Amino acid sequence: RIAAITFTNKAAAEMRERAKHLIGKAAKDVVVCTFHALGVRMLR
């Protein structure tokens, strides 16, 4: 239920990796993506 929105795929990947180190397996369930990727999910 947590979404972290970034502006580039690179920033999203870095944030996902940092979150993984901090909170472990739960990080994979956090929605970490760009505005555009979130838009794709909503439209799909």
ModelCIF file with pLDDT and N, C-alpha, C, O atoms, coordinates in Angstrom:
data_MODEL
#
_entry.id   MODEL 
#
_entity.id                         1 
_entity.type                       polymer 
_entity.pdbx_number_of_molecules   1 
#
_entity_poly.entity_id                      1 
_entity_poly.type                           'polypeptide(L)' 
_entity_poly.nstd_linkage                   no 
_entity_poly.nstd_monomer                   no 
_entity_poly.pdbx_seq_one_letter_code       RIAAITFTNKAAAEMRERAKHLIGKAAKDVVVCTFHALGVRMLR 
_entity_poly.pdbx_seq_one_letter_code_can   RIAAITFTNKAAAEMRERAKHLIGKAAKDVVVCTFHALGVRMLR 
_entity_poly.pdbx_strand_id                 A 
#
loop_
_entity_poly_seq.entity_id 
_entity_poly_seq.num 
_entity_poly_seq.mon_id 
_entity_poly_seq.hetero 
1 1  ARG n 
1 2  ILE n 
1 3  ALA n 
1 4  ALA n 
1 5  ILE n 
1 6  THR n 
1 7  PHE n 
1 8  THR n 
1 9  ASN n 
1 10 LYS n 
1 11 ALA n 
1 12 ALA n 
1 13 ALA n 
1 14 GLU n 
1 15 MET n 
1 16 ARG n 
1 17 GLU n 
1 18 ARG n 
1 19 ALA n 
1 20 LYS n 
1 21 HIS n 
1 22 LEU n 
1 23 ILE n 
1 24 GLY n 
1 25 LYS n 
1 26 ALA n 
1 27 ALA n 
1 28 LYS n 
1 29 ASP n 
1 30 VAL n 
1 31 VAL n 
1 32 VAL n 
1 33 CYS n 
1 34 THR n 
1 35 PHE n 
1 36 HIS n 
1 37 ALA n 
1 38 LEU n 
1 39 GLY n 
1 40 VAL n 
1 41 ARG n 
1 42 MET n 
1 43 LEU n 
1 44 ARG n 
#
_struct_asym.id          A 
_struct_asym.entity_id   1 
#
loop_
_ma_qa_metric.id 
_ma_qa_metric.mode 
_ma_qa_metric.name 
_ma_qa_metric.software_group_id 
_ma_qa_metric.type 
1 global pLDDT . pLDDT 
2 local  pLDDT . pLDDT 
#
_ma_qa_metric_global.metric_id      1 
_ma_qa_metric_global.metric_value   88.41 
_ma_qa_metric_global.model_id       1 
_ma_qa_metric_global.ordinal_id     1 
#
loop_
_ma_qa_metric_local.label_asym_id 
_ma_qa_metric_local.label_comp_id 
_ma_qa_metric_local.label_seq_id 
_ma_qa_metric_local.metric_id 
_ma_qa_metric_local.metric_value 
_ma_qa_metric_local.model_id 
_ma_qa_metric_local.ordinal_id 
A ARG 1  2 94.00 1 1  
A ILE 2  2 94.00 1 2  
A ALA 3  2 94.00 1 3  
A ALA 4  2 94.00 1 4  
A ILE 5  2 94.00 1 5  
A THR 6  2 90.00 1 6  
A PHE 7  2 83.00 1 7  
A THR 8  2 82.00 1 8  
A ASN 9  2 81.00 1 9  
A LYS 10 2 80.00 1 10 
A ALA 11 2 84.00 1 11 
A ALA 12 2 85.00 1 12 
A ALA 13 2 84.00 1 13 
A GLU 14 2 85.00 1 14 
A MET 15 2 88.00 1 15 
A ARG 16 2 87.00 1 16 
A GLU 17 2 88.00 1 17 
A ARG 18 2 88.00 1 18 
A ALA 19 2 87.00 1 19 
A LYS 20 2 86.00 1 20 
A HIS 21 2 86.00 1 21 
A LEU 22 2 87.00 1 22 
A ILE 23 2 85.00 1 23 
A GLY 24 2 86.00 1 24 
A LYS 25 2 84.00 1 25 
A ALA 26 2 84.00 1 26 
A ALA 27 2 82.00 1 27 
A LYS 28 2 84.00 1 28 
A ASP 29 2 89.00 1 29 
A VAL 30 2 91.00 1 30 
A VAL 31 2 91.00 1 31 
A VAL 32 2 91.00 1 32 
A CYS 33 2 90.00 1 33 
A THR 34 2 91.00 1 34 
A PHE 35 2 91.00 1 35 
A HIS 36 2 91.00 1 36 
A ALA 37 2 91.00 1 37 
A LEU 38 2 94.00 1 38 
A GLY 39 2 93.00 1 39 
A VAL 40 2 92.00 1 40 
A ARG 41 2 92.00 1 41 
A MET 42 2 94.00 1 42 
A LEU 43 2 93.00 1 43 
A ARG 44 2 90.00 1 44 
#
loop_
_atom_site.group_PDB 
_atom_site.id 
_atom_site.type_symbol 
_atom_site.label_atom_id 
_atom_site.label_alt_id 
_atom_site.label_comp_id 
_atom_site.label_asym_id 
_atom_site.label_entity_id 
_atom_site.label_seq_id 
_atom_site.pdbx_PDB_ins_code 
_atom_site.Cartn_x 
_atom_site.Cartn_y 
_atom_site.Cartn_z 
_atom_site.occupancy 
_atom_site.B_iso_or_equiv 
_atom_site.pdbx_formal_charge 
_atom_site.auth_seq_id 
_atom_site.auth_comp_id 
_atom_site.auth_asym_id 
_atom_site.auth_atom_id 
_atom_site.pdbx_PDB_model_num 
ATOM 1   N N  . ARG A 1 1  ? 0.824  -1.215 0.000   1.00 94.00 ? 1  ARG A N  1 
ATOM 2   C CA . ARG A 1 1  ? 0.000  0.000  0.000   1.00 94.00 ? 1  ARG A CA 1 
ATOM 3   C C  . ARG A 1 1  ? 0.860  1.268  0.000   1.00 94.00 ? 1  ARG A C  1 
ATOM 4   O O  . ARG A 1 1  ? 0.342  2.379  0.123   1.00 94.00 ? 1  ARG A O  1 
ATOM 5   N N  . ILE A 1 2  ? 2.177  1.090  -0.140  1.00 94.00 ? 2  ILE A N  1 
ATOM 6   C CA . ILE A 1 2  ? 3.098  2.226  -0.175  1.00 94.00 ? 2  ILE A CA 1 
ATOM 7   C C  . ILE A 1 2  ? 3.625  2.380  -1.598  1.00 94.00 ? 2  ILE A C  1 
ATOM 8   O O  . ILE A 1 2  ? 4.087  1.412  -2.202  1.00 94.00 ? 2  ILE A O  1 
ATOM 9   N N  . ALA A 1 3  ? 3.555  3.594  -2.129  1.00 94.00 ? 3  ALA A N  1 
ATOM 10  C CA . ALA A 1 3  ? 4.085  3.873  -3.467  1.00 94.00 ? 3  ALA A CA 1 
ATOM 11  C C  . ALA A 1 3  ? 5.148  4.954  -3.371  1.00 94.00 ? 3  ALA A C  1 
ATOM 12  O O  . ALA A 1 3  ? 4.921  6.014  -2.787  1.00 94.00 ? 3  ALA A O  1 
ATOM 13  N N  . ALA A 1 4  ? 6.310  4.677  -3.947  1.00 94.00 ? 4  ALA A N  1 
ATOM 14  C CA . ALA A 1 4  ? 7.384  5.674  -4.037  1.00 94.00 ? 4  ALA A CA 1 
ATOM 15  C C  . ALA A 1 4  ? 7.589  5.970  -5.518  1.00 94.00 ? 4  ALA A C  1 
ATOM 16  O O  . ALA A 1 4  ? 7.998  5.095  -6.281  1.00 94.00 ? 4  ALA A O  1 
ATOM 17  N N  . ILE A 1 5  ? 7.306  7.202  -5.921  1.00 94.00 ? 5  ILE A N  1 
ATOM 18  C CA . ILE A 1 5  ? 7.328  7.571  -7.336  1.00 94.00 ? 5  ILE A CA 1 
ATOM 19  C C  . ILE A 1 5  ? 8.581  8.392  -7.633  1.00 94.00 ? 5  ILE A C  1 
ATOM 20  O O  . ILE A 1 5  ? 8.855  9.388  -6.965  1.00 94.00 ? 5  ILE A O  1 
ATOM 21  N N  . THR A 1 6  ? 9.338  7.961  -8.645  1.00 90.00 ? 6  THR A N  1 
ATOM 22  C CA . THR A 1 6  ? 10.568 8.641  -9.048  1.00 90.00 ? 6  THR A CA 1 
ATOM 23  C C  . THR A 1 6  ? 10.413 9.155  -10.481 1.00 90.00 ? 6  THR A C  1 
ATOM 24  O O  . THR A 1 6  ? 9.361  8.995  -11.100 1.00 90.00 ? 6  THR A O  1 
ATOM 25  N N  . PHE A 1 7  ? 11.475 9.775  -10.995 1.00 83.00 ? 7  PHE A N  1 
ATOM 26  C CA . PHE A 1 7  ? 11.395 10.306 -12.361 1.00 83.00 ? 7  PHE A CA 1 
ATOM 27  C C  . PHE A 1 7  ? 12.183 9.501  -13.382 1.00 83.00 ? 7  PHE A C  1 
ATOM 28  O O  . PHE A 1 7  ? 11.994 9.687  -14.584 1.00 83.00 ? 7  PHE A O  1 
ATOM 29  N N  . THR A 1 8  ? 13.057 8.615  -12.936 1.00 82.00 ? 8  THR A N  1 
ATOM 30  C CA . THR A 1 8  ? 13.828 7.802  -13.874 1.00 82.00 ? 8  THR A CA 1 
ATOM 31  C C  . THR A 1 8  ? 13.855 6.356  -13.406 1.00 82.00 ? 8  THR A C  1 
ATOM 32  O O  . THR A 1 8  ? 13.721 6.068  -12.216 1.00 82.00 ? 8  THR A O  1 
ATOM 33  N N  . ASN A 1 9  ? 14.033 5.445  -14.369 1.00 81.00 ? 9  ASN A N  1 
ATOM 34  C CA . ASN A 1 9  ? 14.168 4.029  -14.024 1.00 81.00 ? 9  ASN A CA 1 
ATOM 35  C C  . ASN A 1 9  ? 15.381 3.808  -13.133 1.00 81.00 ? 9  ASN A C  1 
ATOM 36  O O  . ASN A 1 9  ? 15.356 2.975  -12.227 1.00 81.00 ? 9  ASN A O  1 
ATOM 37  N N  . LYS A 1 10 ? 16.455 4.571  -13.403 1.00 80.00 ? 10 LYS A N  1 
ATOM 38  C CA . LYS A 1 10 ? 17.686 4.427  -12.616 1.00 80.00 ? 10 LYS A CA 1 
ATOM 39  C C  . LYS A 1 10 ? 17.428 4.790  -11.144 1.00 80.00 ? 10 LYS A C  1 
ATOM 40  O O  . LYS A 1 10 ? 17.869 4.088  -10.235 1.00 80.00 ? 10 LYS A O  1 
ATOM 41  N N  . ALA A 1 11 ? 16.708 5.897  -10.929 1.00 84.00 ? 11 ALA A N  1 
ATOM 42  C CA . ALA A 1 11 ? 16.404 6.315  -9.555  1.00 84.00 ? 11 ALA A CA 1 
ATOM 43  C C  . ALA A 1 11 ? 15.506 5.293  -8.867  1.00 84.00 ? 11 ALA A C  1 
ATOM 44  O O  . ALA A 1 11 ? 15.665 5.025  -7.676  1.00 84.00 ? 11 ALA A O  1 
ATOM 45  N N  . ALA A 1 12 ? 14.563 4.724  -9.615  1.00 85.00 ? 12 ALA A N  1 
ATOM 46  C CA . ALA A 1 12 ? 13.678 3.710  -9.040  1.00 85.00 ? 12 ALA A CA 1 
ATOM 47  C C  . ALA A 1 12 ? 14.477 2.473  -8.634  1.00 85.00 ? 12 ALA A C  1 
ATOM 48  O O  . ALA A 1 12 ? 14.255 1.905  -7.564  1.00 85.00 ? 12 ALA A O  1 
ATOM 49  N N  . ALA A 1 13 ? 15.424 2.055  -9.512  1.00 84.00 ? 13 ALA A N  1 
ATOM 50  C CA . ALA A 1 13 ? 16.235 0.873  -9.203  1.00 84.00 ? 13 ALA A CA 1 
ATOM 51  C C  . ALA A 1 13 ? 17.094 1.107  -7.965  1.00 84.00 ? 13 ALA A C  1 
ATOM 52  O O  . ALA A 1 13 ? 17.234 0.222  -7.121  1.00 84.00 ? 13 ALA A O  1 
ATOM 53  N N  . GLU A 1 14 ? 17.679 2.325  -7.860  1.00 85.00 ? 14 GLU A N  1 
ATOM 54  C CA . GLU A 1 14 ? 18.513 2.637  -6.696  1.00 85.00 ? 14 GLU A CA 1 
ATOM 55  C C  . GLU A 1 14 ? 17.678 2.630  -5.417  1.00 85.00 ? 14 GLU A C  1 
ATOM 56  O O  . GLU A 1 14 ? 18.101 2.100  -4.389  1.00 85.00 ? 14 GLU A O  1 
ATOM 57  N N  . MET A 1 15 ? 16.487 3.226  -5.494  1.00 88.00 ? 15 MET A N  1 
ATOM 58  C CA . MET A 1 15 ? 15.641 3.287  -4.302  1.00 88.00 ? 15 MET A CA 1 
ATOM 59  C C  . MET A 1 15 ? 15.184 1.890  -3.897  1.00 88.00 ? 15 MET A C  1 
ATOM 60  O O  . MET A 1 15 ? 15.130 1.570  -2.710  1.00 88.00 ? 15 MET A O  1 
ATOM 61  N N  . ARG A 1 16 ? 14.855 1.060  -4.885  1.00 87.00 ? 16 ARG A N  1 
ATOM 62  C CA . ARG A 1 16 ? 14.425 -0.307 -4.602  1.00 87.00 ? 16 ARG A CA 1 
ATOM 63  C C  . ARG A 1 16 ? 15.541 -1.079 -3.900  1.00 87.00 ? 16 ARG A C  1 
ATOM 64  O O  . ARG A 1 16 ? 15.291 -1.821 -2.950  1.00 87.00 ? 16 ARG A O  1 
ATOM 65  N N  . GLU A 1 17 ? 16.779 -0.895 -4.379  1.00 88.00 ? 17 GLU A N  1 
ATOM 66  C CA . GLU A 1 17 ? 17.923 -1.596 -3.793  1.00 88.00 ? 17 GLU A CA 1 
ATOM 67  C C  . GLU A 1 17 ? 18.184 -1.110 -2.369  1.00 88.00 ? 17 GLU A C  1 
ATOM 68  O O  . GLU A 1 17 ? 18.463 -1.913 -1.479  1.00 88.00 ? 17 GLU A O  1 
ATOM 69  N N  . ARG A 1 18 ? 18.096 0.186  -2.154  1.00 88.00 ? 18 ARG A N  1 
ATOM 70  C CA . ARG A 1 18 ? 18.330 0.747  -0.810  1.00 88.00 ? 18 ARG A CA 1 
ATOM 71  C C  . ARG A 1 18 ? 17.247 0.276  0.159   1.00 88.00 ? 18 ARG A C  1 
ATOM 72  O O  . ARG A 1 18 ? 17.531 -0.035 1.316   1.00 88.00 ? 18 ARG A O  1 
ATOM 73  N N  . ALA A 1 19 ? 16.010 0.227  -0.319  1.00 87.00 ? 19 ALA A N  1 
ATOM 74  C CA . ALA A 1 19 ? 14.913 -0.244 0.526   1.00 87.00 ? 19 ALA A CA 1 
ATOM 75  C C  . ALA A 1 19 ? 15.097 -1.715 0.885   1.00 87.00 ? 19 ALA A C  1 
ATOM 76  O O  . ALA A 1 19 ? 14.800 -2.141 2.001   1.00 87.00 ? 19 ALA A O  1 
ATOM 77  N N  . LYS A 1 20 ? 15.592 -2.479 -0.084  1.00 86.00 ? 20 LYS A N  1 
ATOM 78  C CA . LYS A 1 20 ? 15.823 -3.913 0.151   1.00 86.00 ? 20 LYS A CA 1 
ATOM 79  C C  . LYS A 1 20 ? 16.840 -4.116 1.265   1.00 86.00 ? 20 LYS A C  1 
ATOM 80  O O  . LYS A 1 20 ? 16.659 -4.991 2.111   1.00 86.00 ? 20 LYS A O  1 
ATOM 81  N N  . HIS A 1 21 ? 17.912 -3.318 1.278   1.00 86.00 ? 21 HIS A N  1 
ATOM 82  C CA . HIS A 1 21 ? 18.931 -3.431 2.315   1.00 86.00 ? 21 HIS A CA 1 
ATOM 83  C C  . HIS A 1 21 ? 18.372 -3.041 3.683   1.00 86.00 ? 21 HIS A C  1 
ATOM 84  O O  . HIS A 1 21 ? 18.810 -3.547 4.716   1.00 86.00 ? 21 HIS A O  1 
ATOM 85  N N  . LEU A 1 22 ? 17.395 -2.129 3.668   1.00 87.00 ? 22 LEU A N  1 
ATOM 86  C CA . LEU A 1 22 ? 16.869 -1.602 4.926   1.00 87.00 ? 22 LEU A CA 1 
ATOM 87  C C  . LEU A 1 22 ? 15.763 -2.479 5.517   1.00 87.00 ? 22 LEU A C  1 
ATOM 88  O O  . LEU A 1 22 ? 15.735 -2.727 6.723   1.00 87.00 ? 22 LEU A O  1 
ATOM 89  N N  . ILE A 1 23 ? 14.848 -2.950 4.650   1.00 85.00 ? 23 ILE A N  1 
ATOM 90  C CA . ILE A 1 23 ? 13.664 -3.657 5.179   1.00 85.00 ? 23 ILE A CA 1 
ATOM 91  C C  . ILE A 1 23 ? 13.561 -5.097 4.704   1.00 85.00 ? 23 ILE A C  1 
ATOM 92  O O  . ILE A 1 23 ? 12.615 -5.795 5.069   1.00 85.00 ? 23 ILE A O  1 
ATOM 93  N N  . GLY A 1 24 ? 14.522 -5.565 3.889   1.00 86.00 ? 24 GLY A N  1 
ATOM 94  C CA . GLY A 1 24 ? 14.537 -6.965 3.490   1.00 86.00 ? 24 GLY A CA 1 
ATOM 95  C C  . GLY A 1 24 ? 13.473 -7.315 2.464   1.00 86.00 ? 24 GLY A C  1 
ATOM 96  O O  . GLY A 1 24 ? 13.205 -6.537 1.549   1.00 86.00 ? 24 GLY A O  1 
ATOM 97  N N  . LYS A 1 25 ? 12.866 -8.489 2.617   1.00 84.00 ? 25 LYS A N  1 
ATOM 98  C CA . LYS A 1 25 ? 11.952 -9.034 1.607   1.00 84.00 ? 25 LYS A CA 1 
ATOM 99  C C  . LYS A 1 25 ? 10.731 -8.152 1.380   1.00 84.00 ? 25 LYS A C  1 
ATOM 100 O O  . LYS A 1 25 ? 10.177 -8.137 0.281   1.00 84.00 ? 25 LYS A O  1 
ATOM 101 N N  . ALA A 1 26 ? 10.305 -7.420 2.401   1.00 84.00 ? 26 ALA A N  1 
ATOM 102 C CA . ALA A 1 26 ? 9.109  -6.575 2.256   1.00 84.00 ? 26 ALA A CA 1 
ATOM 103 C C  . ALA A 1 26 ? 9.283  -5.527 1.161   1.00 84.00 ? 26 ALA A C  1 
ATOM 104 O O  . ALA A 1 26 ? 8.299  -5.023 0.620   1.00 84.00 ? 26 ALA A O  1 
ATOM 105 N N  . ALA A 1 27 ? 10.542 -5.195 0.830   1.00 82.00 ? 27 ALA A N  1 
ATOM 106 C CA . ALA A 1 27 ? 10.809 -4.150 -0.173  1.00 82.00 ? 27 ALA A CA 1 
ATOM 107 C C  . ALA A 1 27 ? 10.222 -4.507 -1.534  1.00 82.00 ? 27 ALA A C  1 
ATOM 108 O O  . ALA A 1 27 ? 9.827  -3.621 -2.292  1.00 82.00 ? 27 ALA A O  1 
ATOM 109 N N  . LYS A 1 28 ? 10.163 -5.802 -1.847  1.00 84.00 ? 28 LYS A N  1 
ATOM 110 C CA . LYS A 1 28 ? 9.675  -6.197 -3.182  1.00 84.00 ? 28 LYS A CA 1 
ATOM 111 C C  . LYS A 1 28 ? 8.187  -5.896 -3.359  1.00 84.00 ? 28 LYS A C  1 
ATOM 112 O O  . LYS A 1 28 ? 7.701  -5.811 -4.487  1.00 84.00 ? 28 LYS A O  1 
ATOM 113 N N  . ASP A 1 29 ? 7.462  -5.735 -2.250  1.00 89.00 ? 29 ASP A N  1 
ATOM 114 C CA . ASP A 1 29 ? 6.027  -5.444 -2.336  1.00 89.00 ? 29 ASP A CA 1 
ATOM 115 C C  . ASP A 1 29 ? 5.726  -3.955 -2.418  1.00 89.00 ? 29 ASP A C  1 
ATOM 116 O O  . ASP A 1 29 ? 4.619  -3.569 -2.792  1.00 89.00 ? 29 ASP A O  1 
ATOM 117 N N  . VAL A 1 30 ? 6.710  -3.105 -2.068  1.00 91.00 ? 30 VAL A N  1 
ATOM 118 C CA . VAL A 1 30 ? 6.514  -1.659 -2.175  1.00 91.00 ? 30 VAL A CA 1 
ATOM 119 C C  . VAL A 1 30 ? 6.465  -1.272 -3.656  1.00 91.00 ? 30 VAL A C  1 
ATOM 120 O O  . VAL A 1 30 ? 7.276  -1.748 -4.452  1.00 91.00 ? 30 VAL A O  1 
ATOM 121 N N  . VAL A 1 31 ? 5.523  -0.419 -4.019  1.00 91.00 ? 31 VAL A N  1 
ATOM 122 C CA . VAL A 1 31 ? 5.424  0.037  -5.412  1.00 91.00 ? 31 VAL A CA 1 
ATOM 123 C C  . VAL A 1 31 ? 6.452  1.146  -5.613  1.00 91.00 ? 31 VAL A C  1 
ATOM 124 O O  . VAL A 1 31 ? 6.201  2.300  -5.266  1.00 91.00 ? 31 VAL A O  1 
ATOM 125 N N  . VAL A 1 32 ? 7.614  0.797  -6.176  1.00 91.00 ? 32 VAL A N  1 
ATOM 126 C CA . VAL A 1 32 ? 8.664  1.776  -6.470  1.00 91.00 ? 32 VAL A CA 1 
ATOM 127 C C  . VAL A 1 32 ? 8.770  1.872  -7.985  1.00 91.00 ? 32 VAL A C  1 
ATOM 128 O O  . VAL A 1 32 ? 9.205  0.920  -8.634  1.00 91.00 ? 32 VAL A O  1 
ATOM 129 N N  . CYS A 1 33 ? 8.384  2.994  -8.552  1.00 90.00 ? 33 CYS A N  1 
ATOM 130 C CA . CYS A 1 33 ? 8.340  3.104  -10.010 1.00 90.00 ? 33 CYS A CA 1 
ATOM 131 C C  . CYS A 1 33 ? 8.325  4.572  -10.425 1.00 90.00 ? 33 CYS A C  1 
ATOM 132 O O  . CYS A 1 33 ? 8.224  5.470  -9.589  1.00 90.00 ? 33 CYS A O  1 
ATOM 133 N N  . THR A 1 34 ? 8.425  4.792  -11.724 1.00 91.00 ? 34 THR A N  1 
ATOM 134 C CA . THR A 1 34 ? 8.311  6.153  -12.255 1.00 91.00 ? 34 THR A CA 1 
ATOM 135 C C  . THR A 1 34 ? 6.833  6.523  -12.389 1.00 91.00 ? 34 THR A C  1 
ATOM 136 O O  . THR A 1 34 ? 5.959  5.659  -12.318 1.00 91.00 ? 34 THR A O  1 
ATOM 137 N N  . PHE A 1 35 ? 6.565  7.808  -12.583 1.00 91.00 ? 35 PHE A N  1 
ATOM 138 C CA . PHE A 1 35 ? 5.205  8.257  -12.858 1.00 91.00 ? 35 PHE A CA 1 
ATOM 139 C C  . PHE A 1 35 ? 4.637  7.503  -14.062 1.00 91.00 ? 35 PHE A C  1 
ATOM 140 O O  . PHE A 1 35 ? 3.476  7.094  -14.064 1.00 91.00 ? 35 PHE A O  1 
ATOM 141 N N  . HIS A 1 36 ? 5.477  7.329  -15.082 1.00 91.00 ? 36 HIS A N  1 
ATOM 142 C CA . HIS A 1 36 ? 5.011  6.683  -16.313 1.00 91.00 ? 36 HIS A CA 1 
ATOM 143 C C  . HIS A 1 36 ? 4.699  5.209  -16.084 1.00 91.00 ? 36 HIS A C  1 
ATOM 144 O O  . HIS A 1 36 ? 3.714  4.694  -16.613 1.00 91.00 ? 36 HIS A O  1 
ATOM 145 N N  . ALA A 1 37 ? 5.534  4.525  -15.296 1.00 91.00 ? 37 ALA A N  1 
ATOM 146 C CA . ALA A 1 37 ? 5.285  3.109  -15.019 1.00 91.00 ? 37 ALA A CA 1 
ATOM 147 C C  . ALA A 1 37 ? 3.999  2.928  -14.216 1.00 91.00 ? 37 ALA A C  1 
ATOM 148 O O  . ALA A 1 37 ? 3.247  1.981  -14.447 1.00 91.00 ? 37 ALA A O  1 
ATOM 149 N N  . LEU A 1 38 ? 3.748  3.839  -13.269 1.00 94.00 ? 38 LEU A N  1 
ATOM 150 C CA . LEU A 1 38 ? 2.492  3.783  -12.523 1.00 94.00 ? 38 LEU A CA 1 
ATOM 151 C C  . LEU A 1 38 ? 1.316  4.000  -13.466 1.00 94.00 ? 38 LEU A C  1 
ATOM 152 O O  . LEU A 1 38 ? 0.279  3.347  -13.348 1.00 94.00 ? 38 LEU A O  1 
ATOM 153 N N  . GLY A 1 39 ? 1.493  4.931  -14.407 1.00 93.00 ? 39 GLY A N  1 
ATOM 154 C CA . GLY A 1 39 ? 0.446  5.179  -15.405 1.00 93.00 ? 39 GLY A CA 1 
ATOM 155 C C  . GLY A 1 39 ? 0.150  3.947  -16.234 1.00 93.00 ? 39 GLY A C  1 
ATOM 156 O O  . GLY A 1 39 ? -1.010 3.653  -16.520 1.00 93.00 ? 39 GLY A O  1 
ATOM 157 N N  . VAL A 1 40 ? 1.192  3.221  -16.624 1.00 92.00 ? 40 VAL A N  1 
ATOM 158 C CA . VAL A 1 40 ? 0.993  1.984  -17.391 1.00 92.00 ? 40 VAL A CA 1 
ATOM 159 C C  . VAL A 1 40 ? 0.175  0.988  -16.581 1.00 92.00 ? 40 VAL A C  1 
ATOM 160 O O  . VAL A 1 40 ? -0.763 0.378  -17.095 1.00 92.00 ? 40 VAL A O  1 
ATOM 161 N N  . ARG A 1 41 ? 0.537  0.829  -15.310 1.00 92.00 ? 41 ARG A N  1 
ATOM 162 C CA . ARG A 1 41 ? -0.194 -0.119 -14.449 1.00 92.00 ? 41 ARG A CA 1 
ATOM 163 C C  . ARG A 1 41 ? -1.667 0.265  -14.345 1.00 92.00 ? 41 ARG A C  1 
ATOM 164 O O  . ARG A 1 41 ? -2.543 -0.593 -14.440 1.00 92.00 ? 41 ARG A O  1 
ATOM 165 N N  . MET A 1 42 ? -1.935 1.540  -14.152 1.00 94.00 ? 42 MET A N  1 
ATOM 166 C CA . MET A 1 42 ? -3.321 1.994  -14.024 1.00 94.00 ? 42 MET A CA 1 
ATOM 167 C C  . MET A 1 42 ? -4.104 1.748  -15.309 1.00 94.00 ? 42 MET A C  1 
ATOM 168 O O  . MET A 1 42 ? -5.260 1.326  -15.272 1.00 94.00 ? 42 MET A O  1 
ATOM 169 N N  . LEU A 1 43 ? -3.463 2.016  -16.446 1.00 93.00 ? 43 LEU A N  1 
ATOM 170 C CA . LEU A 1 43 ? -4.157 1.849  -17.725 1.00 93.00 ? 43 LEU A CA 1 
ATOM 171 C C  . LEU A 1 43 ? -4.339 0.377  -18.077 1.00 93.00 ? 43 LEU A C  1 
ATOM 172 O O  . LEU A 1 43 ? -5.351 0.007  -18.672 1.00 93.00 ? 43 LEU A O  1 
ATOM 173 N N  . ARG A 1 44 ? -3.366 -0.474 -17.714 1.00 90.00 ? 44 ARG A N  1 
ATOM 174 C CA . ARG A 1 44 ? -3.523 -1.910 -17.962 1.00 90.00 ? 44 ARG A CA 1 
ATOM 175 C C  . ARG A 1 44 ? -4.697 -2.457 -17.141 1.00 90.00 ? 44 ARG A C  1 
ATOM 176 O O  . ARG A 1 44 ? -4.995 -3.649 -17.209 1.00 90.00 ? 44 ARG A O  1 
#
